[in-house]
Amino acid sequence: MISPTLAQEVSQLEADLCFALADPTRILILYALNESSRNVTEICAELKVPQPTASRHLKILRERGLVRAERQGVVINYHLNDRRLIEALDLLRSVLRDRINHRANLMEVINEAE
């Protein structure tokens, strides 16, 4: 039986975390911030995205508590809040690679059977 606590946590996870991770650019921003803190200009240069796009994605990540902003003079640097997020993303990428390999193997079996 699913506990009310688990149901509430899953609901919150879907509402906050999953929305934040639903865009590849936001995931790439998280990976970039895992390497070191960066400002918007540096993120734009690294990911080759326009400044308004990077700012919009950073706002979403900030609102969900995945990154934090620290002002240093006129520059705002962004930092990853919890490195475990990268571990979770790496695990999800591993699952995705396994699924892709499994599908490729199935296609080989189908092609050989024809």
Protein backbone atom coordinates (compact mmCIF):
# COMPACT_ATOMS: atom_id res chain seq x y z
CA MET A 1 0.00 0.00 0.00
CA ILE A 2 1.28 3.46 -0.89
CA SER A 3 1.60 5.69 2.14
CA PRO A 4 0.18 9.23 2.13
CA THR A 5 3.72 10.53 2.75
CA LEU A 6 5.05 8.76 -0.35
CA ALA A 7 2.12 10.05 -2.41
CA GLN A 8 2.76 13.60 -1.23
CA GLU A 9 6.50 13.36 -1.91
CA VAL A 10 5.89 11.99 -5.42
CA SER A 11 3.40 14.77 -6.10
CA GLN A 12 5.93 17.39 -4.98
CA LEU A 13 8.67 15.69 -7.01
CA GLU A 14 6.54 15.83 -10.13
CA ALA A 15 5.55 19.43 -9.55
CA ASP A 16 9.02 20.79 -8.82
CA LEU A 17 11.90 18.58 -9.78
CA CYS A 18 10.52 16.85 -12.85
CA PHE A 19 9.38 20.15 -14.37
CA ALA A 20 12.85 21.61 -13.81
CA LEU A 21 14.48 18.60 -15.48
CA ALA A 22 12.05 18.46 -18.40
CA ASP A 23 14.26 20.60 -20.63
CA PRO A 24 17.66 19.49 -21.98
CA THR A 25 19.08 23.01 -21.71
CA ARG A 26 18.32 23.11 -17.99
CA ILE A 27 20.03 19.76 -17.53
CA LEU A 28 23.10 21.03 -19.39
CA ILE A 29 23.13 24.13 -17.17
CA LEU A 30 23.15 21.86 -14.11
CA TYR A 31 26.08 19.89 -15.51
CA ALA A 32 27.95 23.12 -16.28
CA LEU A 33 27.36 24.39 -12.73
CA ASN A 34 28.56 21.09 -11.33
CA GLU A 35 31.99 21.85 -12.81
CA SER A 36 32.12 25.36 -11.32
CA SER A 37 29.97 28.38 -10.61
CA ARG A 38 29.20 30.51 -13.64
CA ASN A 39 27.48 33.74 -14.56
CA VAL A 40 24.87 34.05 -17.31
CA THR A 41 27.41 35.21 -19.89
CA GLU A 42 29.60 32.16 -19.27
CA ILE A 43 26.61 29.82 -19.45
CA CYS A 44 25.49 31.40 -22.73
CA ALA A 45 28.95 31.00 -24.24
CA GLU A 46 29.34 27.40 -23.11
CA LEU A 47 25.88 26.22 -24.16
CA LYS A 48 25.59 28.53 -27.19
CA VAL A 49 22.19 29.86 -26.14
CA PRO A 50 20.95 33.46 -26.14
CA GLN A 51 21.03 35.35 -22.85
CA PRO A 52 17.21 35.56 -22.47
CA THR A 53 17.00 31.78 -22.88
CA ALA A 54 19.68 31.10 -20.27
CA SER A 55 18.11 33.59 -17.86
CA ARG A 56 14.67 32.00 -18.25
CA HIS A 57 16.06 28.54 -17.55
CA LEU A 58 18.09 29.78 -14.58
CA LYS A 59 14.98 31.38 -13.13
CA ILE A 60 13.14 28.04 -13.27
CA LEU A 61 16.08 26.22 -11.68
CA ARG A 62 16.35 28.90 -8.99
CA GLU A 63 12.62 28.83 -8.22
CA ARG A 64 12.80 25.06 -7.71
CA GLY A 65 15.82 25.34 -5.44
CA LEU A 66 18.23 23.50 -7.72
CA VAL A 67 20.60 26.44 -8.12
CA ARG A 68 21.34 29.56 -6.10
CA ALA A 69 22.45 32.98 -7.24
CA GLU A 70 25.13 35.02 -5.48
CA ARG A 71 25.80 38.62 -6.40
CA GLN A 72 29.47 39.62 -6.55
CA GLY A 73 29.51 43.29 -7.43
CA VAL A 74 27.60 43.67 -10.69
CA VAL A 75 27.91 39.98 -11.59
CA ILE A 76 25.55 37.25 -10.46
CA ASN A 77 27.15 33.81 -10.20
CA TYR A 78 25.06 30.67 -10.14
CA HIS A 79 25.89 27.59 -8.10
CA LEU A 80 24.52 24.07 -7.99
CA ASN A 81 22.68 23.58 -4.67
CA ASP A 82 23.07 19.81 -4.30
CA ARG A 83 25.63 17.68 -6.15
CA ARG A 84 23.48 14.59 -5.59
CA LEU A 85 21.33 15.91 -8.40
CA ILE A 86 24.18 15.22 -10.83
CA GLU A 87 24.50 11.69 -9.44
CA ALA A 88 20.77 11.20 -10.07
CA LEU A 89 21.08 12.59 -13.60
CA ASP A 90 24.04 10.30 -14.30
CA LEU A 91 22.01 7.33 -13.08
CA LEU A 92 19.09 8.32 -15.33
CA ARG A 93 21.47 8.68 -18.28
CA SER A 94 22.79 5.19 -17.57
CA VAL A 95 19.25 3.80 -17.57
CA LEU A 96 18.57 5.61 -20.86
CA ARG A 97 21.75 4.20 -22.45
CA ASP A 98 20.75 0.69 -21.35
CA ARG A 99 17.29 1.16 -22.87
CA ILE A 100 18.79 2.38 -26.14
CA ASN A 101 21.17 -0.59 -26.25
CA HIS A 102 18.34 -3.00 -25.49
CA ARG A 103 16.24 -1.56 -28.32
CA ALA A 104 19.21 -1.72 -30.70
CA ASN A 105 19.75 -5.37 -29.79
CA LEU A 106 16.07 -6.10 -30.41
CA MET A 107 16.32 -4.48 -33.83
CA GLU A 108 19.35 -6.65 -34.66
CA VAL A 109 17.44 -9.79 -33.66
CA ILE A 110 14.46 -8.73 -35.76
CA ASN A 111 16.67 -7.95 -38.76
CA GLU A 112 18.47 -11.28 -38.47
CA ALA A 113 15.16 -13.15 -38.31
CA GLU A 114 13.92 -11.61 -41.55
